[in-house]
Every structure is written in C-alpha cells, then in structure tokens.
Amino acid sequence: MNGLDFIRQLIDASKAYLRGKYSLVDVNIPEEVFLSRLNWLKEEEIISDAEFFQLKNDYDTQKIIS
C-alpha cells in the first residue's frame, strides 16, 4: 500500500464514521438538529442528495409512527 492508498482509506473510514454518527435516524432529536446534521453531511459530500432525502423521509416516517 502506498501513501495515497492509505490516505484514501483514512478518508473513507472518516466518512463512514461521520455518516454513522450523524445520520442515525432518532426521533428524539429535534427535527431542526437532525436536518442540520444532514445538511452538513451533504455539504461535506459525506452523503449524496439521494441519501439526504431518504434519511429525511425515514425521519419523517419514524416521527409519524412513534
């Protein structure tokens, strides 16, 4: 493994960690906070537009059924 491969792996691992930490759908988190987290993840290109809308829909659905 060369230096560039190591850096790519490090970036991928960091993105996976941030995605896991800040995209968790939890209806106990205020909607404004959750959307702010999703917007930040999208702006940092950690999640795609499609993932953003899917997570937002998941949050809305969980909010309705809980």
PDB file of N, CA and C in Angstrom:
ATOM      1  N   MET A   1       0.850  -1.172   0.000  1.00  0.00           N
ATOM      2  CA  MET A   1       0.000   0.000   0.000  1.00  0.00           C
ATOM      3  C   MET A   1       0.897   1.236   0.000  1.00  0.00           C
ATOM      4  N   ASN A   2       0.575   2.138  -0.899  1.00  0.00           N
ATOM      5  CA  ASN A   2       1.363   3.372  -0.926  1.00  0.00           C
ATOM      6  C   ASN A   2       0.661   4.453  -0.102  1.00  0.00           C
ATOM      7  N   GLY A   3       1.276   5.605  -0.042  1.00  0.00           N
ATOM      8  CA  GLY A   3       0.749   6.703   0.771  1.00  0.00           C
ATOM      9  C   GLY A   3      -0.625   7.174   0.344  1.00  0.00           C
ATOM     10  N   LEU A   4      -0.871   7.224  -0.971  1.00  0.00           N
ATOM     11  CA  LEU A   4      -2.175   7.680  -1.457  1.00  0.00           C
ATOM     12  C   LEU A   4      -3.277   6.693  -1.087  1.00  0.00           C
ATOM     13  N   ASP A   5      -2.987   5.405  -1.173  1.00  0.00           N
ATOM     14  CA  ASP A   5      -3.976   4.398  -0.774  1.00  0.00           C
ATOM     15  C   ASP A   5      -4.319   4.539   0.705  1.00  0.00           C
ATOM     16  N   PHE A   6      -3.299   4.776   1.522  1.00  0.00           N
ATOM     17  CA  PHE A   6      -3.522   4.949   2.950  1.00  0.00           C
ATOM     18  C   PHE A   6      -4.411   6.159   3.215  1.00  0.00           C
ATOM     19  N   ILE A   7      -4.126   7.253   2.532  1.00  0.00           N
ATOM     20  CA  ILE A   7      -4.923   8.473   2.716  1.00  0.00           C
ATOM     21  C   ILE A   7      -6.363   8.243   2.286  1.00  0.00           C
ATOM     22  N   ARG A   8      -6.566   7.564   1.154  1.00  0.00           N
ATOM     23  CA  ARG A   8      -7.933   7.264   0.701  1.00  0.00           C
ATOM     24  C   ARG A   8      -8.671   6.412   1.725  1.00  0.00           C
ATOM     25  N   GLN A   9      -7.988   5.412   2.265  1.00  0.00           N
ATOM     26  CA  GLN A   9      -8.617   4.557   3.277  1.00  0.00           C
ATOM     27  C   GLN A   9      -8.968   5.360   4.521  1.00  0.00           C
ATOM     28  N   LEU A  10      -8.094   6.252   4.913  1.00  0.00           N
ATOM     29  CA  LEU A  10      -8.348   7.094   6.076  1.00  0.00           C
ATOM     30  C   LEU A  10      -9.548   8.005   5.848  1.00  0.00           C
ATOM     31  N   ILE A  11      -9.628   8.610   4.674  1.00  0.00           N
ATOM     32  CA  ILE A  11     -10.761   9.477   4.342  1.00  0.00           C
ATOM     33  C   ILE A  11     -12.052   8.668   4.302  1.00  0.00           C
ATOM     34  N   ASP A  12     -12.024   7.499   3.676  1.00  0.00           N
ATOM     35  CA  ASP A  12     -13.213   6.643   3.616  1.00  0.00           C
ATOM     36  C   ASP A  12     -13.668   6.220   5.009  1.00  0.00           C
ATOM     37  N   ALA A  13     -12.721   5.875   5.869  1.00  0.00           N
ATOM     38  CA  ALA A  13     -13.060   5.474   7.236  1.00  0.00           C
ATOM     39  C   ALA A  13     -13.657   6.649   8.009  1.00  0.00           C
ATOM     40  N   SER A  14     -13.098   7.839   7.806  1.00  0.00           N
ATOM     41  CA  SER A  14     -13.622   9.033   8.486  1.00  0.00           C
ATOM     42  C   SER A  14     -15.044   9.334   8.028  1.00  0.00           C
ATOM     43  N   LYS A  15     -15.278   9.239   6.717  1.00  0.00           N
ATOM     44  CA  LYS A  15     -16.619   9.496   6.192  1.00  0.00           C
ATOM     45  C   LYS A  15     -17.612   8.469   6.717  1.00  0.00           C
ATOM     46  N   ALA A  16     -17.212   7.209   6.778  1.00  0.00           N
ATOM     47  CA  ALA A  16     -18.100   6.165   7.294  1.00  0.00           C
ATOM     48  C   ALA A  16     -18.436   6.421   8.760  1.00  0.00           C
ATOM     49  N   TYR A  17     -17.450   6.826   9.531  1.00  0.00           N
ATOM     50  CA  TYR A  17     -17.686   7.132  10.942  1.00  0.00           C
ATOM     51  C   TYR A  17     -18.667   8.293  11.082  1.00  0.00           C
ATOM     52  N   LEU A  18     -18.430   9.376  10.350  1.00  0.00           N
ATOM     53  CA  LEU A  18     -19.304  10.550  10.438  1.00  0.00           C
ATOM     54  C   LEU A  18     -20.709  10.234   9.951  1.00  0.00           C
ATOM     55  N   ARG A  19     -20.812   9.450   8.877  1.00  0.00           N
ATOM     56  CA  ARG A  19     -22.125   9.055   8.358  1.00  0.00           C
ATOM     57  C   ARG A  19     -22.867   8.263   9.442  1.00  0.00           C
ATOM     58  N   GLY A  20     -22.188   7.319  10.056  1.00  0.00           N
ATOM     59  CA  GLY A  20     -22.818   6.505  11.095  1.00  0.00           C
ATOM     60  C   GLY A  20     -23.226   7.303  12.320  1.00  0.00           C
ATOM     61  N   LYS A  21     -22.401   8.254  12.686  1.00  0.00           N
ATOM     62  CA  LYS A  21     -22.678   9.034  13.893  1.00  0.00           C
ATOM     63  C   LYS A  21     -23.787  10.069  13.703  1.00  0.00           C
ATOM     64  N   TYR A  22     -23.763  10.762  12.569  1.00  0.00           N
ATOM     65  CA  TYR A  22     -24.660  11.902  12.402  1.00  0.00           C
ATOM     66  C   TYR A  22     -25.871  11.652  11.515  1.00  0.00           C
ATOM     67  N   SER A  23     -25.979  10.476  10.919  1.00  0.00           N
ATOM     68  CA  SER A  23     -27.156  10.215  10.084  1.00  0.00           C
ATOM     69  C   SER A  23     -28.108   9.218  10.726  1.00  0.00           C
ATOM     70  N   LEU A  24     -27.844   8.858  11.960  1.00  0.00           N
ATOM     71  CA  LEU A  24     -28.715   7.936  12.676  1.00  0.00           C
ATOM     72  C   LEU A  24     -30.094   8.568  12.862  1.00  0.00           C
ATOM     73  N   VAL A  25     -31.121   7.876  12.377  1.00  0.00           N
ATOM     74  CA  VAL A  25     -32.487   8.391  12.483  1.00  0.00           C
ATOM     75  C   VAL A  25     -32.978   8.153  13.913  1.00  0.00           C
ATOM     76  N   ASP A  26     -33.160   9.234  14.643  1.00  0.00           N
ATOM     77  CA  ASP A  26     -33.600   9.182  16.031  1.00  0.00           C
ATOM     78  C   ASP A  26     -34.636  10.280  16.228  1.00  0.00           C
ATOM     79  N   VAL A  27     -35.889   9.888  16.425  1.00  0.00           N
ATOM     80  CA  VAL A  27     -36.959  10.885  16.541  1.00  0.00           C
ATOM     81  C   VAL A  27     -36.888  11.665  17.848  1.00  0.00           C
ATOM     82  N   ASN A  28     -36.004  11.279  18.753  1.00  0.00           N
ATOM     83  CA  ASN A  28     -35.815  12.043  19.979  1.00  0.00           C
ATOM     84  C   ASN A  28     -34.946  13.272  19.759  1.00  0.00           C
ATOM     85  N   ILE A  29     -34.299  13.327  18.601  1.00  0.00           N
ATOM     86  CA  ILE A  29     -33.521  14.502  18.221  1.00  0.00           C
ATOM     87  C   ILE A  29     -34.480  15.485  17.557  1.00  0.00           C
ATOM     88  N   PRO A  30     -34.461  16.753  17.960  1.00  0.00           N
ATOM     89  CA  PRO A  30     -35.342  17.727  17.302  1.00  0.00           C
ATOM     90  C   PRO A  30     -35.089  17.754  15.790  1.00  0.00           C
ATOM     91  N   GLU A  31     -36.150  17.964  15.038  1.00  0.00           N
ATOM     92  CA  GLU A  31     -36.059  17.937  13.586  1.00  0.00           C
ATOM     93  C   GLU A  31     -35.031  18.933  13.058  1.00  0.00           C
ATOM     94  N   GLU A  32     -34.975  20.121  13.648  1.00  0.00           N
ATOM     95  CA  GLU A  32     -34.026  21.129  13.191  1.00  0.00           C
ATOM     96  C   GLU A  32     -32.590  20.641  13.334  1.00  0.00           C
ATOM     97  N   VAL A  33     -32.315  19.964  14.429  1.00  0.00           N
ATOM     98  CA  VAL A  33     -30.967  19.444  14.685  1.00  0.00           C
ATOM     99  C   VAL A  33     -30.644  18.337  13.686  1.00  0.00           C
ATOM    100  N   PHE A  34     -31.592  17.429  13.472  1.00  0.00           N
ATOM    101  CA  PHE A  34     -31.368  16.327  12.540  1.00  0.00           C
ATOM    102  C   PHE A  34     -31.127  16.851  11.126  1.00  0.00           C
ATOM    103  N   LEU A  35     -31.959  17.781  10.679  1.00  0.00           N
ATOM    104  CA  LEU A  35     -31.795  18.344   9.336  1.00  0.00           C
ATOM    105  C   LEU A  35     -30.488  19.123   9.208  1.00  0.00           C
ATOM    106  N   SER A  36     -30.090  19.787  10.260  1.00  0.00           N
ATOM    107  CA  SER A  36     -28.820  20.496  10.250  1.00  0.00           C
ATOM    108  C   SER A  36     -27.664  19.511  10.077  1.00  0.00           C
ATOM    109  N   ARG A  37     -27.732  18.392  10.767  1.00  0.00           N
ATOM    110  CA  ARG A  37     -26.705  17.354  10.633  1.00  0.00           C
ATOM    111  C   ARG A  37     -26.674  16.810   9.210  1.00  0.00           C
ATOM    112  N   LEU A  38     -27.866  16.531   8.665  1.00  0.00           N
ATOM    113  CA  LEU A  38     -27.926  16.007   7.299  1.00  0.00           C
ATOM    114  C   LEU A  38     -27.378  17.016   6.299  1.00  0.00           C
ATOM    115  N   ASN A  39     -27.731  18.283   6.469  1.00  0.00           N
ATOM    116  CA  ASN A  39     -27.224  19.323   5.570  1.00  0.00           C
ATOM    117  C   ASN A  39     -25.701  19.396   5.631  1.00  0.00           C
ATOM    118  N   TRP A  40     -25.146  19.315   6.830  1.00  0.00           N
ATOM    119  CA  TRP A  40     -23.695  19.350   6.981  1.00  0.00           C
ATOM    120  C   TRP A  40     -23.049  18.150   6.285  1.00  0.00           C
ATOM    121  N   LEU A  41     -23.625  16.956   6.485  1.00  0.00           N
ATOM    122  CA  LEU A  41     -23.093  15.758   5.828  1.00  0.00           C
ATOM    123  C   LEU A  41     -23.140  15.895   4.309  1.00  0.00           C
ATOM    124  N   LYS A  42     -24.217  16.474   3.808  1.00  0.00           N
ATOM    125  CA  LYS A  42     -24.359  16.660   2.360  1.00  0.00           C
ATOM    126  C   LYS A  42     -23.353  17.691   1.845  1.00  0.00           C
ATOM    127  N   GLU A  43     -23.206  18.797   2.553  1.00  0.00           N
ATOM    128  CA  GLU A  43     -22.259  19.835   2.144  1.00  0.00           C
ATOM    129  C   GLU A  43     -20.821  19.322   2.137  1.00  0.00           C
ATOM    130  N   GLU A  44     -20.504  18.433   3.055  1.00  0.00           N
ATOM    131  CA  GLU A  44     -19.159  17.863   3.131  1.00  0.00           C
ATOM    132  C   GLU A  44     -18.982  16.665   2.198  1.00  0.00           C
ATOM    133  N   GLU A  45     -20.018  16.382   1.409  1.00  0.00           N
ATOM    134  CA  GLU A  45     -20.021  15.275   0.449  1.00  0.00           C
ATOM    135  C   GLU A  45     -19.793  13.920   1.116  1.00  0.00           C
ATOM    136  N   ILE A  46     -20.356  13.788   2.310  1.00  0.00           N
ATOM    137  CA  ILE A  46     -20.307  12.528   3.039  1.00  0.00           C
ATOM    138  C   ILE A  46     -21.524  11.689   2.676  1.00  0.00           C
ATOM    139  N   ILE A  47     -22.645  12.361   2.405  1.00  0.00           N
ATOM    140  CA  ILE A  47     -23.829  11.680   1.887  1.00  0.00           C
ATOM    141  C   ILE A  47     -24.243  12.376   0.589  1.00  0.00           C
ATOM    142  N   SER A  48     -24.931  11.632  -0.249  1.00  0.00           N
ATOM    143  CA  SER A  48     -25.409  12.178  -1.520  1.00  0.00           C
ATOM    144  C   SER A  48     -26.756  12.868  -1.324  1.00  0.00           C
ATOM    145  N   ASP A  49     -27.220  13.537  -2.363  1.00  0.00           N
ATOM    146  CA  ASP A  49     -28.556  14.135  -2.317  1.00  0.00           C
ATOM    147  C   ASP A  49     -29.604  13.053  -2.095  1.00  0.00           C
ATOM    148  N   ALA A  50     -29.452  11.927  -2.774  1.00  0.00           N
ATOM    149  CA  ALA A  50     -30.415  10.830  -2.634  1.00  0.00           C
ATOM    150  C   ALA A  50     -30.435  10.301  -1.194  1.00  0.00           C
ATOM    151  N   GLU A  51     -29.248  10.151  -0.591  1.00  0.00           N
ATOM    152  CA  GLU A  51     -29.192   9.699   0.805  1.00  0.00           C
ATOM    153  C   GLU A  51     -29.824  10.729   1.729  1.00  0.00           C
ATOM    154  N   PHE A  52     -29.584  12.011   1.459  1.00  0.00           N
ATOM    155  CA  PHE A  52     -30.174  13.077   2.257  1.00  0.00           C
ATOM    156  C   PHE A  52     -31.695  12.955   2.277  1.00  0.00           C
ATOM    157  N   PHE A  53     -32.297  12.839   1.088  1.00  0.00           N
ATOM    158  CA  PHE A  53     -33.748  12.779   1.011  1.00  0.00           C
ATOM    159  C   PHE A  53     -34.294  11.475   1.600  1.00  0.00           C
ATOM    160  N   GLN A  54     -33.562  10.381   1.442  1.00  0.00           N
ATOM    161  CA  GLN A  54     -34.002   9.115   2.030  1.00  0.00           C
ATOM    162  C   GLN A  54     -33.973   9.185   3.558  1.00  0.00           C
ATOM    163  N   LEU A  55     -32.912   9.731   4.113  1.00  0.00           N
ATOM    164  CA  LEU A  55     -32.820   9.863   5.566  1.00  0.00           C
ATOM    165  C   LEU A  55     -33.875  10.823   6.103  1.00  0.00           C
ATOM    166  N   LYS A  56     -34.129  11.900   5.379  1.00  0.00           N
ATOM    167  CA  LYS A  56     -35.181  12.842   5.793  1.00  0.00           C
ATOM    168  C   LYS A  56     -36.537  12.152   5.780  1.00  0.00           C
ATOM    169  N   ASN A  57     -36.816  11.386   4.734  1.00  0.00           N
ATOM    170  CA  ASN A  57     -38.076  10.644   4.666  1.00  0.00           C
ATOM    171  C   ASN A  57     -38.166   9.606   5.773  1.00  0.00           C
ATOM    172  N   ASP A  58     -37.059   8.924   6.061  1.00  0.00           N
ATOM    173  CA  ASP A  58     -37.041   7.946   7.149  1.00  0.00           C
ATOM    174  C   ASP A  58     -37.359   8.615   8.481  1.00  0.00           C
ATOM    175  N   TYR A  59     -36.769   9.793   8.710  1.00  0.00           N
ATOM    176  CA  TYR A  59     -37.028  10.540   9.935  1.00  0.00           C
ATOM    177  C   TYR A  59     -38.503  10.916  10.024  1.00  0.00           C
ATOM    178  N   ASP A  60     -39.038  11.461   8.930  1.00  0.00           N
ATOM    179  CA  ASP A  60     -40.455  11.861   8.910  1.00  0.00           C
ATOM    180  C   ASP A  60     -41.363  10.678   9.166  1.00  0.00           C
ATOM    181  N   THR A  61     -41.056   9.546   8.563  1.00  0.00           N
ATOM    182  CA  THR A  61     -41.874   8.338   8.750  1.00  0.00           C
ATOM    183  C   THR A  61     -41.807   7.866  10.198  1.00  0.00           C
ATOM    184  N   GLN A  62     -40.604   7.827  10.755  1.00  0.00           N
ATOM    185  CA  GLN A  62     -40.462   7.400  12.146  1.00  0.00           C
ATOM    186  C   GLN A  62     -41.186   8.347  13.090  1.00  0.00           C
ATOM    187  N   LYS A  63     -41.170   9.615  12.770  1.00  0.00           N
ATOM    188  CA  LYS A  63     -41.846  10.619  13.609  1.00  0.00           C
ATOM    189  C   LYS A  63     -43.367  10.359  13.600  1.00  0.00           C
ATOM    190  N   ILE A  64     -43.904   9.989  12.445  1.00  0.00           N
ATOM    191  CA  ILE A  64     -45.344   9.731  12.326  1.00  0.00           C
ATOM    192  C   ILE A  64     -45.752   8.489  13.104  1.00  0.00           C
ATOM    193  N   ILE A  65     -44.956   7.435  13.003  1.00  0.00           N
ATOM    194  CA  ILE A  65     -45.375   6.175  13.626  1.00  0.00           C
ATOM    195  C   ILE A  65     -44.977   6.049  15.094  1.00  0.00           C
ATOM    196  N   SER A  66     -44.225   7.001  15.596  1.00  0.00           N
ATOM    197  CA  SER A  66     -43.850   6.894  17.010  1.00  0.00           C
ATOM    198  C   SER A  66     -44.726   7.759  17.889  1.00  0.00           C
TER     199      SER A  66
END
